[in-house]
Amino acid sequence: GRIFDNTEENPLTITLGDDEVFPALEAGIVGMKAGEVKNIFLHTRDAYGPRRPENILKVKKEMFPSGKELRVGLK
């Protein structure tokens, strides 16, 4: 896998039970103590789910700021 996000520089503040984060992430947070550091790994099915063609949007090149490199497969 790869790191999607981390909160080392800017700690994340959430309210448990408010549906602010993925349920699997919230489940990993439950029981932590104040100041505790923990790595939580999520499988794609527990985050955004599998890749689905109907969720892919086509956007015109003109919609992006000029001067930015655009190429197929860029993330």
PDB file of N, CA and C in Angstrom:
ATOM      1  N   GLY A   1       0.808  -1.179   0.000  1.00  0.00           N
ATOM      2  CA  GLY A   1       0.000   0.000   0.000  1.00  0.00           C
ATOM      3  C   GLY A   1       0.861   1.256   0.000  1.00  0.00           C
ATOM      4  N   ARG A   2       0.187   2.381   0.101  1.00  0.00           N
ATOM      5  CA  ARG A   2       0.894   3.654   0.178  1.00  0.00           C
ATOM      6  C   ARG A   2       0.191   4.537   1.195  1.00  0.00           C
ATOM      7  N   ILE A   3       0.916   5.518   1.702  1.00  0.00           N
ATOM      8  CA  ILE A   3       0.335   6.427   2.682  1.00  0.00           C
ATOM      9  C   ILE A   3      -0.636   7.345   1.969  1.00  0.00           C
ATOM     10  N   PHE A   4      -1.880   7.328   2.395  1.00  0.00           N
ATOM     11  CA  PHE A   4      -2.900   8.201   1.829  1.00  0.00           C
ATOM     12  C   PHE A   4      -2.891   9.532   2.558  1.00  0.00           C
ATOM     13  N   ASP A   5      -2.752   9.469   3.854  1.00  0.00           N
ATOM     14  CA  ASP A   5      -2.784  10.688   4.657  1.00  0.00           C
ATOM     15  C   ASP A   5      -2.114  10.391   5.987  1.00  0.00           C
ATOM     16  N   ASN A   6      -1.588  11.420   6.616  1.00  0.00           N
ATOM     17  CA  ASN A   6      -1.088  11.277   7.972  1.00  0.00           C
ATOM     18  C   ASN A   6      -1.335  12.592   8.700  1.00  0.00           C
ATOM     19  N   THR A   7      -1.276  12.523  10.012  1.00  0.00           N
ATOM     20  CA  THR A   7      -1.593  13.708  10.811  1.00  0.00           C
ATOM     21  C   THR A   7      -0.446  14.090  11.731  1.00  0.00           C
ATOM     22  N   GLU A   8       0.785  13.720  11.352  1.00  0.00           N
ATOM     23  CA  GLU A   8       1.927  13.997  12.222  1.00  0.00           C
ATOM     24  C   GLU A   8       2.114  15.488  12.469  1.00  0.00           C
ATOM     25  N   GLU A   9       2.022  16.293  11.433  1.00  0.00           N
ATOM     26  CA  GLU A   9       2.249  17.734  11.575  1.00  0.00           C
ATOM     27  C   GLU A   9       1.013  18.474  12.088  1.00  0.00           C
ATOM     28  N   ASN A  10      -0.158  18.015  11.683  1.00  0.00           N
ATOM     29  CA  ASN A  10      -1.413  18.660  12.080  1.00  0.00           C
ATOM     30  C   ASN A  10      -2.373  17.597  12.596  1.00  0.00           C
ATOM     31  N   PRO A  11      -2.392  17.374  13.906  1.00  0.00           N
ATOM     32  CA  PRO A  11      -3.261  16.330  14.460  1.00  0.00           C
ATOM     33  C   PRO A  11      -4.717  16.509  14.028  1.00  0.00           C
ATOM     34  N   LEU A  12      -5.370  15.395  13.793  1.00  0.00           N
ATOM     35  CA  LEU A  12      -6.761  15.368  13.367  1.00  0.00           C
ATOM     36  C   LEU A  12      -7.665  15.440  14.595  1.00  0.00           C
ATOM     37  N   THR A  13      -8.646  16.304  14.552  1.00  0.00           N
ATOM     38  CA  THR A  13      -9.626  16.400  15.632  1.00  0.00           C
ATOM     39  C   THR A  13     -10.976  15.959  15.081  1.00  0.00           C
ATOM     40  N   ILE A  14     -11.560  14.943  15.690  1.00  0.00           N
ATOM     41  CA  ILE A  14     -12.872  14.448  15.261  1.00  0.00           C
ATOM     42  C   ILE A  14     -13.732  14.190  16.492  1.00  0.00           C
ATOM     43  N   THR A  15     -15.021  14.040  16.268  1.00  0.00           N
ATOM     44  CA  THR A  15     -15.951  13.624  17.312  1.00  0.00           C
ATOM     45  C   THR A  15     -16.431  12.231  16.943  1.00  0.00           C
ATOM     46  N   LEU A  16     -16.108  11.255  17.775  1.00  0.00           N
ATOM     47  CA  LEU A  16     -16.519   9.884  17.483  1.00  0.00           C
ATOM     48  C   LEU A  16     -18.036   9.796  17.428  1.00  0.00           C
ATOM     49  N   GLY A  17     -18.537   9.047  16.452  1.00  0.00           N
ATOM     50  CA  GLY A  17     -19.974   8.868  16.302  1.00  0.00           C
ATOM     51  C   GLY A  17     -20.645   9.888  15.406  1.00  0.00           C
ATOM     52  N   ASP A  18     -19.886  10.878  14.915  1.00  0.00           N
ATOM     53  CA  ASP A  18     -20.470  11.918  14.059  1.00  0.00           C
ATOM     54  C   ASP A  18     -20.282  11.644  12.563  1.00  0.00           C
ATOM     55  N   ASP A  19     -19.857  10.450  12.196  1.00  0.00           N
ATOM     56  CA  ASP A  19     -19.650  10.076  10.791  1.00  0.00           C
ATOM     57  C   ASP A  19     -18.698  11.029  10.075  1.00  0.00           C
ATOM     58  N   GLU A  20     -17.655  11.482  10.766  1.00  0.00           N
ATOM     59  CA  GLU A  20     -16.681  12.393  10.168  1.00  0.00           C
ATOM     60  C   GLU A  20     -15.577  11.649   9.431  1.00  0.00           C
ATOM     61  N   VAL A  21     -15.359  10.386   9.782  1.00  0.00           N
ATOM     62  CA  VAL A  21     -14.306   9.579   9.158  1.00  0.00           C
ATOM     63  C   VAL A  21     -14.888   8.219   8.796  1.00  0.00           C
ATOM     64  N   PHE A  22     -14.141   7.433   8.037  1.00  0.00           N
ATOM     65  CA  PHE A  22     -14.582   6.090   7.673  1.00  0.00           C
ATOM     66  C   PHE A  22     -14.841   5.278   8.941  1.00  0.00           C
ATOM     67  N   PRO A  23     -15.895   4.458   8.963  1.00  0.00           N
ATOM     68  CA  PRO A  23     -16.178   3.640  10.149  1.00  0.00           C
ATOM     69  C   PRO A  23     -14.984   2.787  10.583  1.00  0.00           C
ATOM     70  N   ALA A  24     -14.236   2.236   9.634  1.00  0.00           N
ATOM     71  CA  ALA A  24     -13.078   1.408   9.993  1.00  0.00           C
ATOM     72  C   ALA A  24     -11.995   2.236  10.673  1.00  0.00           C
ATOM     73  N   LEU A  25     -11.835   3.491  10.268  1.00  0.00           N
ATOM     74  CA  LEU A  25     -10.872   4.375  10.918  1.00  0.00           C
ATOM     75  C   LEU A  25     -11.343   4.699  12.332  1.00  0.00           C
ATOM     76  N   GLU A  26     -12.615   5.003  12.472  1.00  0.00           N
ATOM     77  CA  GLU A  26     -13.165   5.293  13.795  1.00  0.00           C
ATOM     78  C   GLU A  26     -13.002   4.095  14.720  1.00  0.00           C
ATOM     79  N   ALA A  27     -13.235   2.890  14.215  1.00  0.00           N
ATOM     80  CA  ALA A  27     -13.079   1.681  15.027  1.00  0.00           C
ATOM     81  C   ALA A  27     -11.640   1.535  15.515  1.00  0.00           C
ATOM     82  N   GLY A  28     -10.680   1.943  14.689  1.00  0.00           N
ATOM     83  CA  GLY A  28      -9.279   1.877  15.093  1.00  0.00           C
ATOM     84  C   GLY A  28      -8.913   2.915  16.134  1.00  0.00           C
ATOM     85  N   ILE A  29      -9.663   4.000  16.195  1.00  0.00           N
ATOM     86  CA  ILE A  29      -9.394   5.090  17.143  1.00  0.00           C
ATOM     87  C   ILE A  29      -9.995   4.809  18.516  1.00  0.00           C
ATOM     88  N   VAL A  30     -11.138   4.124  18.532  1.00  0.00           N
ATOM     89  CA  VAL A  30     -11.834   3.845  19.795  1.00  0.00           C
ATOM     90  C   VAL A  30     -10.884   3.138  20.763  1.00  0.00           C
ATOM     91  N   GLY A  31     -10.830   3.633  21.978  1.00  0.00           N
ATOM     92  CA  GLY A  31      -9.999   3.026  23.014  1.00  0.00           C
ATOM     93  C   GLY A  31      -8.625   3.662  23.156  1.00  0.00           C
ATOM     94  N   MET A  32      -8.272   4.568  22.233  1.00  0.00           N
ATOM     95  CA  MET A  32      -6.975   5.242  22.340  1.00  0.00           C
ATOM     96  C   MET A  32      -6.994   6.232  23.499  1.00  0.00           C
ATOM     97  N   LYS A  33      -5.835   6.456  24.079  1.00  0.00           N
ATOM     98  CA  LYS A  33      -5.679   7.421  25.166  1.00  0.00           C
ATOM     99  C   LYS A  33      -5.186   8.745  24.601  1.00  0.00           C
ATOM    100  N   ALA A  34      -5.419   9.844  25.291  1.00  0.00           N
ATOM    101  CA  ALA A  34      -4.939  11.164  24.872  1.00  0.00           C
ATOM    102  C   ALA A  34      -3.424  11.121  24.694  1.00  0.00           C
ATOM    103  N   GLY A  35      -2.947  11.619  23.564  1.00  0.00           N
ATOM    104  CA  GLY A  35      -1.517  11.656  23.272  1.00  0.00           C
ATOM    105  C   GLY A  35      -0.966  10.377  22.672  1.00  0.00           C
ATOM    106  N   GLU A  36      -1.769   9.336  22.606  1.00  0.00           N
ATOM    107  CA  GLU A  36      -1.319   8.063  22.041  1.00  0.00           C
ATOM    108  C   GLU A  36      -1.146   8.195  20.531  1.00  0.00           C
ATOM    109  N   VAL A  37      -0.123   7.553  20.007  1.00  0.00           N
ATOM    110  CA  VAL A  37       0.144   7.539  18.569  1.00  0.00           C
ATOM    111  C   VAL A  37      -0.131   6.127  18.068  1.00  0.00           C
ATOM    112  N   LYS A  38      -0.793   6.032  16.923  1.00  0.00           N
ATOM    113  CA  LYS A  38      -1.170   4.718  16.409  1.00  0.00           C
ATOM    114  C   LYS A  38      -1.206   4.756  14.891  1.00  0.00           C
ATOM    115  N   ASN A  39      -0.716   3.711  14.251  1.00  0.00           N
ATOM    116  CA  ASN A  39      -0.859   3.547  12.800  1.00  0.00           C
ATOM    117  C   ASN A  39      -2.122   2.738  12.552  1.00  0.00           C
ATOM    118  N   ILE A  40      -2.983   3.241  11.696  1.00  0.00           N
ATOM    119  CA  ILE A  40      -4.219   2.541  11.354  1.00  0.00           C
ATOM    120  C   ILE A  40      -4.211   2.319   9.849  1.00  0.00           C
ATOM    121  N   PHE A  41      -4.294   1.076   9.442  1.00  0.00           N
ATOM    122  CA  PHE A  41      -4.266   0.727   8.030  1.00  0.00           C
ATOM    123  C   PHE A  41      -5.665   0.329   7.580  1.00  0.00           C
ATOM    124  N   LEU A  42      -6.127   0.923   6.491  1.00  0.00           N
ATOM    125  CA  LEU A  42      -7.451   0.612   5.953  1.00  0.00           C
ATOM    126  C   LEU A  42      -7.314  -0.056   4.599  1.00  0.00           C
ATOM    127  N   HIS A  43      -8.083  -1.095   4.396  1.00  0.00           N
ATOM    128  CA  HIS A  43      -8.177  -1.723   3.083  1.00  0.00           C
ATOM    129  C   HIS A  43      -9.099  -0.845   2.239  1.00  0.00           C
ATOM    130  N   THR A  44      -8.928  -0.863   0.931  1.00  0.00           N
ATOM    131  CA  THR A  44      -9.772  -0.019   0.075  1.00  0.00           C
ATOM    132  C   THR A  44     -11.261  -0.267   0.311  1.00  0.00           C
ATOM    133  N   ARG A  45     -11.646  -1.502   0.582  1.00  0.00           N
ATOM    134  CA  ARG A  45     -13.074  -1.798   0.809  1.00  0.00           C
ATOM    135  C   ARG A  45     -13.597  -1.106   2.069  1.00  0.00           C
ATOM    136  N   ASP A  46     -12.682  -0.758   2.994  1.00  0.00           N
ATOM    137  CA  ASP A  46     -13.080  -0.083   4.229  1.00  0.00           C
ATOM    138  C   ASP A  46     -12.997   1.433   4.114  1.00  0.00           C
ATOM    139  N   ALA A  47     -12.578   1.910   2.956  1.00  0.00           N
ATOM    140  CA  ALA A  47     -12.465   3.358   2.744  1.00  0.00           C
ATOM    141  C   ALA A  47     -13.400   3.740   1.599  1.00  0.00           C
ATOM    142  N   TYR A  48     -12.845   3.854   0.413  1.00  0.00           N
ATOM    143  CA  TYR A  48     -13.641   4.305  -0.732  1.00  0.00           C
ATOM    144  C   TYR A  48     -14.283   3.171  -1.513  1.00  0.00           C
ATOM    145  N   GLY A  49     -13.905   1.941  -1.247  1.00  0.00           N
ATOM    146  CA  GLY A  49     -14.469   0.816  -1.964  1.00  0.00           C
ATOM    147  C   GLY A  49     -13.728   0.542  -3.255  1.00  0.00           C
ATOM    148  N   PRO A  50     -14.191  -0.447  -4.009  1.00  0.00           N
ATOM    149  CA  PRO A  50     -13.507  -0.813  -5.250  1.00  0.00           C
ATOM    150  C   PRO A  50     -13.668   0.261  -6.325  1.00  0.00           C
ATOM    151  N   ARG A  51     -12.756   0.239  -7.279  1.00  0.00           N
ATOM    152  CA  ARG A  51     -12.836   1.165  -8.415  1.00  0.00           C
ATOM    153  C   ARG A  51     -14.086   0.817  -9.223  1.00  0.00           C
ATOM    154  N   ARG A  52     -14.896   1.837  -9.525  1.00  0.00           N
ATOM    155  CA  ARG A  52     -16.114   1.625 -10.304  1.00  0.00           C
ATOM    156  C   ARG A  52     -16.156   2.644 -11.432  1.00  0.00           C
ATOM    157  N   PRO A  53     -16.305   2.170 -12.660  1.00  0.00           N
ATOM    158  CA  PRO A  53     -16.309   3.074 -13.817  1.00  0.00           C
ATOM    159  C   PRO A  53     -17.319   4.208 -13.696  1.00  0.00           C
ATOM    160  N   GLU A  54     -18.459   3.975 -13.077  1.00  0.00           N
ATOM    161  CA  GLU A  54     -19.480   5.022 -12.973  1.00  0.00           C
ATOM    162  C   GLU A  54     -19.059   6.152 -12.026  1.00  0.00           C
ATOM    163  N   ASN A  55     -17.999   5.938 -11.263  1.00  0.00           N
ATOM    164  CA  ASN A  55     -17.499   6.982 -10.362  1.00  0.00           C
ATOM    165  C   ASN A  55     -16.349   7.793 -10.964  1.00  0.00           C
ATOM    166  N   ILE A  56     -16.000   7.512 -12.194  1.00  0.00           N
ATOM    167  CA  ILE A  56     -14.911   8.227 -12.860  1.00  0.00           C
ATOM    168  C   ILE A  56     -15.507   9.384 -13.653  1.00  0.00           C
ATOM    169  N   LEU A  57     -14.988  10.576 -13.427  1.00  0.00           N
ATOM    170  CA  LEU A  57     -15.483  11.768 -14.107  1.00  0.00           C
ATOM    171  C   LEU A  57     -14.522  12.198 -15.200  1.00  0.00           C
ATOM    172  N   LYS A  58     -15.059  12.628 -16.322  1.00  0.00           N
ATOM    173  CA  LYS A  58     -14.249  13.213 -17.387  1.00  0.00           C
ATOM    174  C   LYS A  58     -14.294  14.723 -17.209  1.00  0.00           C
ATOM    175  N   VAL A  59     -13.101  15.329 -17.162  1.00  0.00           N
ATOM    176  CA  VAL A  59     -12.992  16.766 -16.945  1.00  0.00           C
ATOM    177  C   VAL A  59     -12.180  17.365 -18.084  1.00  0.00           C
ATOM    178  N   LYS A  60     -12.657  18.468 -18.634  1.00  0.00           N
ATOM    179  CA  LYS A  60     -11.933  19.125 -19.719  1.00  0.00           C
ATOM    180  C   LYS A  60     -10.627  19.709 -19.198  1.00  0.00           C
ATOM    181  N   LYS A  61      -9.606  19.614 -20.018  1.00  0.00           N
ATOM    182  CA  LYS A  61      -8.278  20.109 -19.670  1.00  0.00           C
ATOM    183  C   LYS A  61      -8.325  21.578 -19.249  1.00  0.00           C
ATOM    184  N   GLU A  62      -9.200  22.344 -19.844  1.00  0.00           N
ATOM    185  CA  GLU A  62      -9.309  23.773 -19.559  1.00  0.00           C
ATOM    186  C   GLU A  62      -9.752  24.056 -18.117  1.00  0.00           C
ATOM    187  N   MET A  63     -10.287  23.062 -17.440  1.00  0.00           N
ATOM    188  CA  MET A  63     -10.751  23.235 -16.064  1.00  0.00           C
ATOM    189  C   MET A  63      -9.597  23.284 -15.056  1.00  0.00           C
ATOM    190  N   PHE A  64      -8.390  22.861 -15.480  1.00  0.00           N
ATOM    191  CA  PHE A  64      -7.228  22.847 -14.598  1.00  0.00           C
ATOM    192  C   PHE A  64      -6.434  24.132 -14.748  1.00  0.00           C
ATOM    193  N   PRO A  65      -5.740  24.559 -13.689  1.00  0.00           N
ATOM    194  CA  PRO A  65      -4.921  25.778 -13.778  1.00  0.00           C
ATOM    195  C   PRO A  65      -3.849  25.635 -14.854  1.00  0.00           C
ATOM    196  N   SER A  66      -3.567  26.715 -15.567  1.00  0.00           N
ATOM    197  CA  SER A  66      -2.535  26.656 -16.600  1.00  0.00           C
ATOM    198  C   SER A  66      -1.174  26.482 -15.939  1.00  0.00           C
ATOM    199  N   GLY A  67      -0.260  25.868 -16.673  1.00  0.00           N
ATOM    200  CA  GLY A  67       1.090  25.662 -16.170  1.00  0.00           C
ATOM    201  C   GLY A  67       1.266  24.384 -15.375  1.00  0.00           C
ATOM    202  N   LYS A  68       0.195  23.629 -15.171  1.00  0.00           N
ATOM    203  CA  LYS A  68       0.299  22.372 -14.434  1.00  0.00           C
ATOM    204  C   LYS A  68       0.495  21.229 -15.419  1.00  0.00           C
ATOM    205  N   GLU A  69       1.377  20.300 -15.059  1.00  0.00           N
ATOM    206  CA  GLU A  69       1.620  19.140 -15.914  1.00  0.00           C
ATOM    207  C   GLU A  69       0.427  18.193 -15.826  1.00  0.00           C
ATOM    208  N   LEU A  70      -0.121  17.841 -16.970  1.00  0.00           N
ATOM    209  CA  LEU A  70      -1.209  16.871 -17.031  1.00  0.00           C
ATOM    210  C   LEU A  70      -0.777  15.737 -17.937  1.00  0.00           C
ATOM    211  N   ARG A  71      -0.925  14.503 -17.445  1.00  0.00           N
ATOM    212  CA  ARG A  71      -0.632  13.339 -18.272  1.00  0.00           C
ATOM    213  C   ARG A  71      -1.482  12.171 -17.784  1.00  0.00           C
ATOM    214  N   VAL A  72      -1.701  11.214 -18.652  1.00  0.00           N
ATOM    215  CA  VAL A  72      -2.521  10.050 -18.327  1.00  0.00           C
ATOM    216  C   VAL A  72      -1.927   9.327 -17.126  1.00  0.00           C
ATOM    217  N   GLY A  73      -2.766   8.985 -16.166  1.00  0.00           N
ATOM    218  CA  GLY A  73      -2.345   8.239 -14.991  1.00  0.00           C
ATOM    219  C   GLY A  73      -1.839   9.088 -13.845  1.00  0.00           C
ATOM    220  N   LEU A  74      -1.730  10.385 -14.042  1.00  0.00           N
ATOM    221  CA  LEU A  74      -1.247  11.279 -12.986  1.00  0.00           C
ATOM    222  C   LEU A  74      -2.233  11.278 -11.830  1.00  0.00           C
ATOM    223  N   LYS A  75      -1.727  11.211 -10.608  1.00  0.00           N
ATOM    224  CA  LYS A  75      -2.603  11.183  -9.424  1.00  0.00           C
ATOM    225  C   LYS A  75      -2.369  12.403  -8.587  1.00  0.00           C
TER     226      LYS A  75
END
